Amino acid sequence: MNAPASFEPFLLADGEKKISFEKDTQVPNAAIFTLNREDHTCLSCFLHFECNQHLGDEEQGWL
């Protein structure tokens, strides 16, 4: 079978970092985070919090 092993999408190569950080020079107080070897579940979490911005409100008691 030509399918890759089920663990390959999640294992990092030698020297590869799970997350990288790069300061954005065009926007103040901004950065670019790159997540390596993550599936759609991580993206779904980010999209959920973006769509439900009240989850980060201090008044709601979440922070």
PDB file of N, CA and C in Angstrom:
ATOM      1  N   MET A   1       0.846  -1.178   0.000  1.00  0.00           N
ATOM      2  CA  MET A   1       0.000   0.000   0.000  1.00  0.00           C
ATOM      3  C   MET A   1       0.890   1.239   0.000  1.00  0.00           C
ATOM      4  N   ASN A   2       0.533   2.271  -0.732  1.00  0.00           N
ATOM      5  CA  ASN A   2       1.346   3.468  -0.862  1.00  0.00           C
ATOM      6  C   ASN A   2       1.016   4.555   0.152  1.00  0.00           C
ATOM      7  N   ALA A   3       0.108   4.305   1.040  1.00  0.00           N
ATOM      8  CA  ALA A   3      -0.273   5.318   2.028  1.00  0.00           C
ATOM      9  C   ALA A   3       0.855   5.521   3.037  1.00  0.00           C
ATOM     10  N   PRO A   4       1.092   6.769   3.456  1.00  0.00           N
ATOM     11  CA  PRO A   4       2.116   7.008   4.476  1.00  0.00           C
ATOM     12  C   PRO A   4       1.665   6.447   5.825  1.00  0.00           C
ATOM     13  N   ALA A   5       2.616   6.180   6.681  1.00  0.00           N
ATOM     14  CA  ALA A   5       2.287   5.685   8.019  1.00  0.00           C
ATOM     15  C   ALA A   5       1.433   6.723   8.744  1.00  0.00           C
ATOM     16  N   SER A   6       0.515   6.261   9.577  1.00  0.00           N
ATOM     17  CA  SER A   6      -0.437   7.168  10.225  1.00  0.00           C
ATOM     18  C   SER A   6       0.231   8.160  11.171  1.00  0.00           C
ATOM     19  N   PHE A   7       1.433   7.862  11.662  1.00  0.00           N
ATOM     20  CA  PHE A   7       2.111   8.764  12.592  1.00  0.00           C
ATOM     21  C   PHE A   7       2.977   9.807  11.891  1.00  0.00           C
ATOM     22  N   GLU A   8       3.240   9.662  10.600  1.00  0.00           N
ATOM     23  CA  GLU A   8       4.128  10.587   9.890  1.00  0.00           C
ATOM     24  C   GLU A   8       3.671  12.040   9.913  1.00  0.00           C
ATOM     25  N   PRO A   9       2.386  12.330   9.799  1.00  0.00           N
ATOM     26  CA  PRO A   9       1.988  13.745   9.814  1.00  0.00           C
ATOM     27  C   PRO A   9       2.243  14.451  11.147  1.00  0.00           C
ATOM     28  N   PHE A  10       2.569  13.701  12.207  1.00  0.00           N
ATOM     29  CA  PHE A  10       2.715  14.304  13.521  1.00  0.00           C
ATOM     30  C   PHE A  10       4.136  14.282  14.055  1.00  0.00           C
ATOM     31  N   LEU A  11       5.003  13.440  13.504  1.00  0.00           N
ATOM     32  CA  LEU A  11       6.381  13.355  13.988  1.00  0.00           C
ATOM     33  C   LEU A  11       7.238  14.428  13.342  1.00  0.00           C
ATOM     34  N   LEU A  12       8.017  15.106  14.158  1.00  0.00           N
ATOM     35  CA  LEU A  12       8.913  16.142  13.655  1.00  0.00           C
ATOM     36  C   LEU A  12      10.205  15.521  13.157  1.00  0.00           C
ATOM     37  N   ALA A  13      10.758  16.102  12.114  1.00  0.00           N
ATOM     38  CA  ALA A  13      12.059  15.662  11.618  1.00  0.00           C
ATOM     39  C   ALA A  13      13.146  16.151  12.576  1.00  0.00           C
ATOM     40  N   ASP A  14      14.331  15.608  12.467  1.00  0.00           N
ATOM     41  CA  ASP A  14      15.435  16.040  13.322  1.00  0.00           C
ATOM     42  C   ASP A  14      15.695  17.526  13.120  1.00  0.00           C
ATOM     43  N   GLY A  15      15.719  18.270  14.209  1.00  0.00           N
ATOM     44  CA  GLY A  15      15.986  19.697  14.152  1.00  0.00           C
ATOM     45  C   GLY A  15      14.772  20.557  13.838  1.00  0.00           C
ATOM     46  N   GLU A  16      13.642  19.952  13.551  1.00  0.00           N
ATOM     47  CA  GLU A  16      12.426  20.705  13.243  1.00  0.00           C
ATOM     48  C   GLU A  16      11.735  21.099  14.544  1.00  0.00           C
ATOM     49  N   LYS A  17      11.292  22.344  14.632  1.00  0.00           N
ATOM     50  CA  LYS A  17      10.613  22.834  15.832  1.00  0.00           C
ATOM     51  C   LYS A  17       9.101  22.702  15.673  1.00  0.00           C
ATOM     52  N   LYS A  18       8.425  22.474  16.789  1.00  0.00           N
ATOM     53  CA  LYS A  18       6.970  22.336  16.771  1.00  0.00           C
ATOM     54  C   LYS A  18       6.295  23.671  16.457  1.00  0.00           C
ATOM     55  N   ILE A  19       6.856  24.752  17.000  1.00  0.00           N
ATOM     56  CA  ILE A  19       6.287  26.076  16.777  1.00  0.00           C
ATOM     57  C   ILE A  19       7.420  27.069  16.571  1.00  0.00           C
ATOM     58  N   SER A  20       7.226  27.977  15.639  1.00  0.00           N
ATOM     59  CA  SER A  20       8.225  29.025  15.425  1.00  0.00           C
ATOM     60  C   SER A  20       7.545  30.380  15.556  1.00  0.00           C
ATOM     61  N   PHE A  21       8.321  31.364  15.969  1.00  0.00           N
ATOM     62  CA  PHE A  21       7.836  32.706  16.253  1.00  0.00           C
ATOM     63  C   PHE A  21       8.635  33.697  15.429  1.00  0.00           C
ATOM     64  N   GLU A  22       7.944  34.581  14.736  1.00  0.00           N
ATOM     65  CA  GLU A  22       8.610  35.621  13.948  1.00  0.00           C
ATOM     66  C   GLU A  22       7.885  36.936  14.200  1.00  0.00           C
ATOM     67  N   LYS A  23       8.609  37.941  14.685  1.00  0.00           N
ATOM     68  CA  LYS A  23       8.006  39.237  14.956  1.00  0.00           C
ATOM     69  C   LYS A  23       7.637  39.904  13.634  1.00  0.00           C
ATOM     70  N   ASP A  24       6.427  40.431  13.576  1.00  0.00           N
ATOM     71  CA  ASP A  24       5.956  41.117  12.376  1.00  0.00           C
ATOM     72  C   ASP A  24       6.477  42.545  12.395  1.00  0.00           C
ATOM     73  N   THR A  25       7.201  42.929  11.371  1.00  0.00           N
ATOM     74  CA  THR A  25       7.800  44.261  11.325  1.00  0.00           C
ATOM     75  C   THR A  25       6.846  45.308  10.758  1.00  0.00           C
ATOM     76  N   GLN A  26       5.745  44.896  10.159  1.00  0.00           N
ATOM     77  CA  GLN A  26       4.822  45.842   9.537  1.00  0.00           C
ATOM     78  C   GLN A  26       3.672  46.250  10.446  1.00  0.00           C
ATOM     79  N   VAL A  27       3.386  45.435  11.448  1.00  0.00           N
ATOM     80  CA  VAL A  27       2.276  45.713  12.352  1.00  0.00           C
ATOM     81  C   VAL A  27       2.821  45.754  13.776  1.00  0.00           C
ATOM     82  N   PRO A  28       2.560  46.837  14.515  1.00  0.00           N
ATOM     83  CA  PRO A  28       3.065  46.895  15.887  1.00  0.00           C
ATOM     84  C   PRO A  28       2.385  45.850  16.781  1.00  0.00           C
ATOM     85  N   ASN A  29       3.150  45.313  17.709  1.00  0.00           N
ATOM     86  CA  ASN A  29       2.651  44.333  18.683  1.00  0.00           C
ATOM     87  C   ASN A  29       2.025  43.106  18.019  1.00  0.00           C
ATOM     88  N   ALA A  30       2.625  42.671  16.926  1.00  0.00           N
ATOM     89  CA  ALA A  30       2.105  41.502  16.216  1.00  0.00           C
ATOM     90  C   ALA A  30       3.232  40.519  15.934  1.00  0.00           C
ATOM     91  N   ALA A  31       2.862  39.273  15.754  1.00  0.00           N
ATOM     92  CA  ALA A  31       3.840  38.230  15.458  1.00  0.00           C
ATOM     93  C   ALA A  31       3.191  37.174  14.581  1.00  0.00           C
ATOM     94  N   ILE A  32       4.037  36.397  13.948  1.00  0.00           N
ATOM     95  CA  ILE A  32       3.584  35.286  13.120  1.00  0.00           C
ATOM     96  C   ILE A  32       4.054  33.997  13.783  1.00  0.00           C
ATOM     97  N   PHE A  33       3.124  33.141  14.117  1.00  0.00           N
ATOM     98  CA  PHE A  33       3.437  31.846  14.701  1.00  0.00           C
ATOM     99  C   PHE A  33       3.186  30.785  13.640  1.00  0.00           C
ATOM    100  N   THR A  34       4.138  29.890  13.465  1.00  0.00           N
ATOM    101  CA  THR A  34       3.991  28.794  12.520  1.00  0.00           C
ATOM    102  C   THR A  34       3.996  27.487  13.295  1.00  0.00           C
ATOM    103  N   LEU A  35       2.923  26.727  13.159  1.00  0.00           N
ATOM    104  CA  LEU A  35       2.802  25.431  13.819  1.00  0.00           C
ATOM    105  C   LEU A  35       3.119  24.346  12.802  1.00  0.00           C
ATOM    106  N   ASN A  36       4.074  23.500  13.121  1.00  0.00           N
ATOM    107  CA  ASN A  36       4.462  22.412  12.225  1.00  0.00           C
ATOM    108  C   ASN A  36       3.811  21.107  12.646  1.00  0.00           C
ATOM    109  N   ARG A  37       3.376  20.368  11.670  1.00  0.00           N
ATOM    110  CA  ARG A  37       2.831  19.015  11.865  1.00  0.00           C
ATOM    111  C   ARG A  37       1.600  19.004  12.768  1.00  0.00           C
ATOM    112  N   GLU A  38       0.686  19.913  12.519  1.00  0.00           N
ATOM    113  CA  GLU A  38      -0.577  19.936  13.253  1.00  0.00           C
ATOM    114  C   GLU A  38      -1.710  19.647  12.275  1.00  0.00           C
ATOM    115  N   ASP A  39      -2.737  19.021  12.753  1.00  0.00           N
ATOM    116  CA  ASP A  39      -3.860  18.704  11.886  1.00  0.00           C
ATOM    117  C   ASP A  39      -4.939  19.780  11.991  1.00  0.00           C
ATOM    118  N   HIS A  40      -6.061  19.531  11.405  1.00  0.00           N
ATOM    119  CA  HIS A  40      -7.142  20.511  11.359  1.00  0.00           C
ATOM    120  C   HIS A  40      -7.759  20.784  12.722  1.00  0.00           C
ATOM    121  N   THR A  41      -7.533  19.936  13.710  1.00  0.00           N
ATOM    122  CA  THR A  41      -8.107  20.137  15.033  1.00  0.00           C
ATOM    123  C   THR A  41      -7.602  21.424  15.664  1.00  0.00           C
ATOM    124  N   CYS A  42      -6.326  21.695  15.520  1.00  0.00           N
ATOM    125  CA  CYS A  42      -5.737  22.919  16.065  1.00  0.00           C
ATOM    126  C   CYS A  42      -6.365  24.142  15.397  1.00  0.00           C
ATOM    127  N   LEU A  43      -6.525  24.114  14.099  1.00  0.00           N
ATOM    128  CA  LEU A  43      -7.143  25.218  13.371  1.00  0.00           C
ATOM    129  C   LEU A  43      -8.589  25.404  13.809  1.00  0.00           C
ATOM    130  N   SER A  44      -9.289  24.334  14.034  1.00  0.00           N
ATOM    131  CA  SER A  44     -10.683  24.424  14.467  1.00  0.00           C
ATOM    132  C   SER A  44     -10.797  25.157  15.799  1.00  0.00           C
ATOM    133  N   CYS A  45      -9.859  24.922  16.701  1.00  0.00           N
ATOM    134  CA  CYS A  45      -9.857  25.624  17.991  1.00  0.00           C
ATOM    135  C   CYS A  45      -9.659  27.118  17.797  1.00  0.00           C
ATOM    136  N   PHE A  46      -8.700  27.496  16.967  1.00  0.00           N
ATOM    137  CA  PHE A  46      -8.454  28.913  16.712  1.00  0.00           C
ATOM    138  C   PHE A  46      -9.673  29.579  16.076  1.00  0.00           C
ATOM    139  N   LEU A  47     -10.285  28.919  15.117  1.00  0.00           N
ATOM    140  CA  LEU A  47     -11.459  29.489  14.462  1.00  0.00           C
ATOM    141  C   LEU A  47     -12.626  29.618  15.430  1.00  0.00           C
ATOM    142  N   HIS A  48     -12.776  28.673  16.330  1.00  0.00           N
ATOM    143  CA  HIS A  48     -13.842  28.732  17.325  1.00  0.00           C
ATOM    144  C   HIS A  48     -13.673  29.956  18.215  1.00  0.00           C
ATOM    145  N   PHE A  49     -12.449  30.201  18.685  1.00  0.00           N
ATOM    146  CA  PHE A  49     -12.214  31.354  19.547  1.00  0.00           C
ATOM    147  C   PHE A  49     -12.332  32.665  18.780  1.00  0.00           C
ATOM    148  N   GLU A  50     -11.987  32.655  17.501  1.00  0.00           N
ATOM    149  CA  GLU A  50     -12.120  33.866  16.690  1.00  0.00           C
ATOM    150  C   GLU A  50     -13.593  34.212  16.486  1.00  0.00           C
ATOM    151  N   CYS A  51     -14.412  33.209  16.269  1.00  0.00           N
ATOM    152  CA  CYS A  51     -15.837  33.444  16.045  1.00  0.00           C
ATOM    153  C   CYS A  51     -16.574  33.782  17.335  1.00  0.00           C
ATOM    154  N   ASN A  52     -16.042  33.358  18.460  1.00  0.00           N
ATOM    155  CA  ASN A  52     -16.662  33.588  19.767  1.00  0.00           C
ATOM    156  C   ASN A  52     -15.743  34.456  20.610  1.00  0.00           C
ATOM    157  N   GLN A  53     -15.606  35.706  20.211  1.00  0.00           N
ATOM    158  CA  GLN A  53     -14.643  36.579  20.866  1.00  0.00           C
ATOM    159  C   GLN A  53     -14.993  36.856  22.320  1.00  0.00           C
ATOM    160  N   HIS A  54     -16.226  36.648  22.720  1.00  0.00           N
ATOM    161  CA  HIS A  54     -16.587  36.860  24.118  1.00  0.00           C
ATOM    162  C   HIS A  54     -15.881  35.871  25.045  1.00  0.00           C
ATOM    163  N   LEU A  55     -15.332  34.787  24.513  1.00  0.00           N
ATOM    164  CA  LEU A  55     -14.634  33.807  25.346  1.00  0.00           C
ATOM    165  C   LEU A  55     -13.360  34.369  25.954  1.00  0.00           C
ATOM    166  N   GLY A  56     -12.820  35.433  25.382  1.00  0.00           N
ATOM    167  CA  GLY A  56     -11.602  36.029  25.913  1.00  0.00           C
ATOM    168  C   GLY A  56     -11.853  37.250  26.774  1.00  0.00           C
ATOM    169  N   ASP A  57     -13.109  37.627  26.957  1.00  0.00           N
ATOM    170  CA  ASP A  57     -13.423  38.819  27.739  1.00  0.00           C
ATOM    171  C   ASP A  57     -13.148  38.592  29.212  1.00  0.00           C
ATOM    172  N   GLU A  58     -12.480  39.562  29.823  1.00  0.00           N
ATOM    173  CA  GLU A  58     -12.202  39.466  31.254  1.00  0.00           C
ATOM    174  C   GLU A  58     -13.495  39.526  32.051  1.00  0.00           C
ATOM    175  N   GLU A  59     -14.480  40.286  31.557  1.00  0.00           N
ATOM    176  CA  GLU A  59     -15.745  40.412  32.271  1.00  0.00           C
ATOM    177  C   GLU A  59     -16.480  39.078  32.355  1.00  0.00           C
ATOM    178  N   GLN A  60     -16.234  38.206  31.401  1.00  0.00           N
ATOM    179  CA  GLN A  60     -16.874  36.896  31.394  1.00  0.00           C
ATOM    180  C   GLN A  60     -16.185  35.924  32.341  1.00  0.00           C
ATOM    181  N   GLY A  61     -15.015  36.300  32.851  1.00  0.00           N
ATOM    182  CA  GLY A  61     -14.304  35.446  33.790  1.00  0.00           C
ATOM    183  C   GLY A  61     -13.457  34.368  33.150  1.00  0.00           C
ATOM    184  N   TRP A  62     -13.173  34.497  31.858  1.00  0.00           N
ATOM    185  CA  TRP A  62     -12.396  33.465  31.176  1.00  0.00           C
ATOM    186  C   TRP A  62     -10.910  33.681  31.299  1.00  0.00           C
ATOM    187  N   LEU A  63     -10.473  34.906  31.542  1.00  0.00           N
ATOM    188  CA  LEU A  63      -9.031  35.173  31.637  1.00  0.00           C
ATOM    189  C   LEU A  63      -8.610  35.346  33.068  1.00  0.00           C
TER     190      LEU A  63
END
